Amino acid sequence: MDIHIAAAVVVRSDGATLLVRKRGTNAFMQPGGKIDSGEAPLVALYRELAEELAMQPADGSATYIGRFEAVAANEENKRVIAELYRLETEGDFTAQSEIEEVRWILPEETEEFILAPLTRDHVLPAIWGARAS
């Protein structure tokens, strides 16, 4: 069974991206979450960002990047299909809800973290190109 999510590539002017780690897991990933039945992906994203990070992006500030698929990081034998959006901010955010840790990371720091397959194989290469490891 596929898991359909909306996720955000939250970037800072120095090139860092914001990653989160859910409680009880090891892998860092983009903030976001499951899209409810009948819910628009962008509505789901804004709901999830509010729940996970108390983040309230301005309307129109998210840019659609595309749809990406990968093996789910935390659910065995499942694939994640992500509607991915880019947001730019200089803010700092605090973990809330099921999020245990929030980190800004730069391309040269990726080896220090366990990354979800979607983040490692698709998202970071898409935003950092050759700089992603």
Protein backbone atom coordinates (compact mmCIF):
# COMPACT_ATOMS: atom_id res chain seq x y z
CA MET A 1 0.00 0.00 0.00
CA ASP A 2 1.28 3.45 -0.88
CA ILE A 3 1.36 6.35 1.57
CA HIS A 4 0.47 9.66 -0.08
CA ILE A 5 2.05 12.64 1.68
CA ALA A 6 2.69 16.34 1.27
CA ALA A 7 6.18 17.44 2.33
CA ALA A 8 8.18 20.65 2.45
CA VAL A 9 11.72 21.39 1.43
CA VAL A 10 12.27 24.23 3.88
CA VAL A 11 15.43 26.12 2.91
CA ARG A 12 17.43 28.93 4.45
CA SER A 13 19.49 31.56 2.61
CA ASP A 14 22.78 29.81 3.54
CA GLY A 15 21.65 26.66 1.68
CA ALA A 16 20.65 24.66 4.77
CA THR A 17 17.46 22.61 4.71
CA LEU A 18 15.22 21.77 7.66
CA LEU A 19 14.82 18.09 8.49
CA VAL A 20 12.77 16.43 11.21
CA ARG A 21 12.92 13.11 13.03
CA LYS A 22 9.74 11.56 14.36
CA ARG A 23 9.58 10.21 17.89
CA GLY A 24 10.77 6.61 18.10
CA THR A 25 12.55 6.66 14.70
CA ASN A 26 16.11 7.21 13.49
CA ALA A 27 15.74 8.72 10.02
CA PHE A 28 15.55 12.44 9.29
CA MET A 29 13.14 13.62 6.60
CA GLN A 30 11.28 16.65 5.30
CA PRO A 31 8.48 17.95 7.50
CA GLY A 32 4.99 17.08 6.32
CA GLY A 33 2.64 14.16 6.51
CA LYS A 34 -0.22 12.11 5.18
CA ILE A 35 -2.85 13.70 2.99
CA ASP A 36 -6.34 13.03 4.33
CA SER A 37 -9.04 11.72 2.01
CA GLY A 38 -10.37 14.56 -0.13
CA GLU A 39 -7.74 16.99 1.14
CA ALA A 40 -5.65 19.06 -1.26
CA PRO A 41 -1.89 18.42 -0.92
CA LEU A 42 -1.06 22.05 -0.08
CA VAL A 43 -3.80 22.17 2.57
CA ALA A 44 -2.38 18.96 4.09
CA LEU A 45 1.11 20.43 4.04
CA TYR A 46 0.10 23.62 5.84
CA ARG A 47 -1.86 21.58 8.42
CA GLU A 48 1.11 19.30 9.05
CA LEU A 49 3.59 22.19 9.31
CA ALA A 50 1.34 23.87 11.88
CA GLU A 51 1.03 20.64 13.89
CA GLU A 52 4.69 19.58 13.72
CA LEU A 53 6.55 22.92 13.85
CA ALA A 54 3.99 25.66 14.65
CA MET A 55 4.94 26.99 11.21
CA GLN A 56 2.40 29.21 9.44
CA PRO A 57 3.63 29.84 5.87
CA ALA A 58 2.09 32.78 4.05
CA ASP A 59 -0.40 31.89 1.34
CA GLY A 60 1.37 31.61 -1.99
CA SER A 61 4.80 31.14 -0.42
CA ALA A 62 5.08 27.42 -1.25
CA THR A 63 6.37 26.47 -4.69
CA TYR A 64 5.47 23.04 -6.06
CA ILE A 65 8.56 20.99 -6.94
CA GLY A 66 6.96 17.74 -8.05
CA ARG A 67 5.96 14.21 -7.12
CA PHE A 68 8.58 11.80 -5.82
CA GLU A 69 8.38 8.15 -4.75
CA ALA A 70 10.58 6.03 -2.50
CA VAL A 71 10.52 3.20 0.01
CA ALA A 72 8.89 4.40 3.25
CA ALA A 73 11.41 5.06 6.02
CA ASN A 74 9.30 3.95 8.97
CA GLU A 75 6.65 1.59 7.56
CA GLU A 76 7.80 -1.79 6.34
CA ASN A 77 6.90 -2.91 2.80
CA LYS A 78 5.32 0.43 1.91
CA ARG A 79 6.18 3.18 -0.55
CA VAL A 80 5.76 6.86 0.02
CA ILE A 81 4.47 9.13 -2.74
CA ALA A 82 5.30 12.73 -1.89
CA GLU A 83 3.89 15.94 -3.27
CA LEU A 84 6.88 18.16 -2.60
CA TYR A 85 6.86 21.93 -2.06
CA ARG A 86 9.66 24.43 -1.44
CA LEU A 87 9.46 27.09 1.28
CA GLU A 88 12.12 29.66 2.14
CA THR A 89 12.50 30.95 5.69
CA GLU A 90 15.06 32.17 8.17
CA GLY A 91 12.97 31.02 11.14
CA ASP A 92 13.80 28.56 13.85
CA PHE A 93 11.25 25.93 14.74
CA THR A 94 10.53 23.74 17.75
CA ALA A 95 9.55 20.08 17.56
CA GLN A 96 5.90 19.48 18.41
CA SER A 97 3.37 16.66 18.11
CA GLU A 98 5.13 13.46 16.92
CA ILE A 99 8.36 15.28 16.01
CA GLU A 100 11.26 14.60 18.39
CA GLU A 101 14.07 16.54 16.69
CA VAL A 102 14.38 19.42 14.23
CA ARG A 103 17.71 20.17 12.51
CA TRP A 104 18.99 22.56 9.85
CA ILE A 105 21.59 20.72 7.77
CA LEU A 106 24.02 21.80 5.07
CA PRO A 107 25.10 19.60 2.13
CA GLU A 108 28.44 18.76 3.73
CA GLU A 109 26.70 17.49 6.89
CA THR A 110 24.53 14.78 5.31
CA GLU A 111 26.94 11.96 6.24
CA GLU A 112 26.33 12.75 9.93
CA PHE A 113 22.64 11.78 9.74
CA ILE A 114 20.50 8.76 8.94
CA LEU A 115 18.27 10.03 6.14
CA ALA A 116 14.93 8.66 4.93
CA PRO A 117 15.20 7.13 1.42
CA LEU A 118 13.03 9.87 -0.11
CA THR A 119 15.21 12.58 1.43
CA ARG A 120 18.53 10.89 0.61
CA ASP A 121 17.77 9.63 -2.89
CA HIS A 122 15.44 12.27 -4.31
CA VAL A 123 14.91 15.43 -2.29
CA LEU A 124 18.45 16.45 -1.39
CA PRO A 125 19.85 15.71 -4.86
CA ALA A 126 16.96 17.71 -6.36
CA ILE A 127 17.71 20.80 -4.25
CA TRP A 128 21.49 20.54 -3.91
CA GLY A 129 22.43 18.76 -7.13
CA ALA A 130 26.01 17.45 -7.09
CA ARG A 131 26.54 18.88 -3.58
CA ALA A 132 24.35 16.16 -2.01
CA SER A 133 26.19 13.05 -0.90
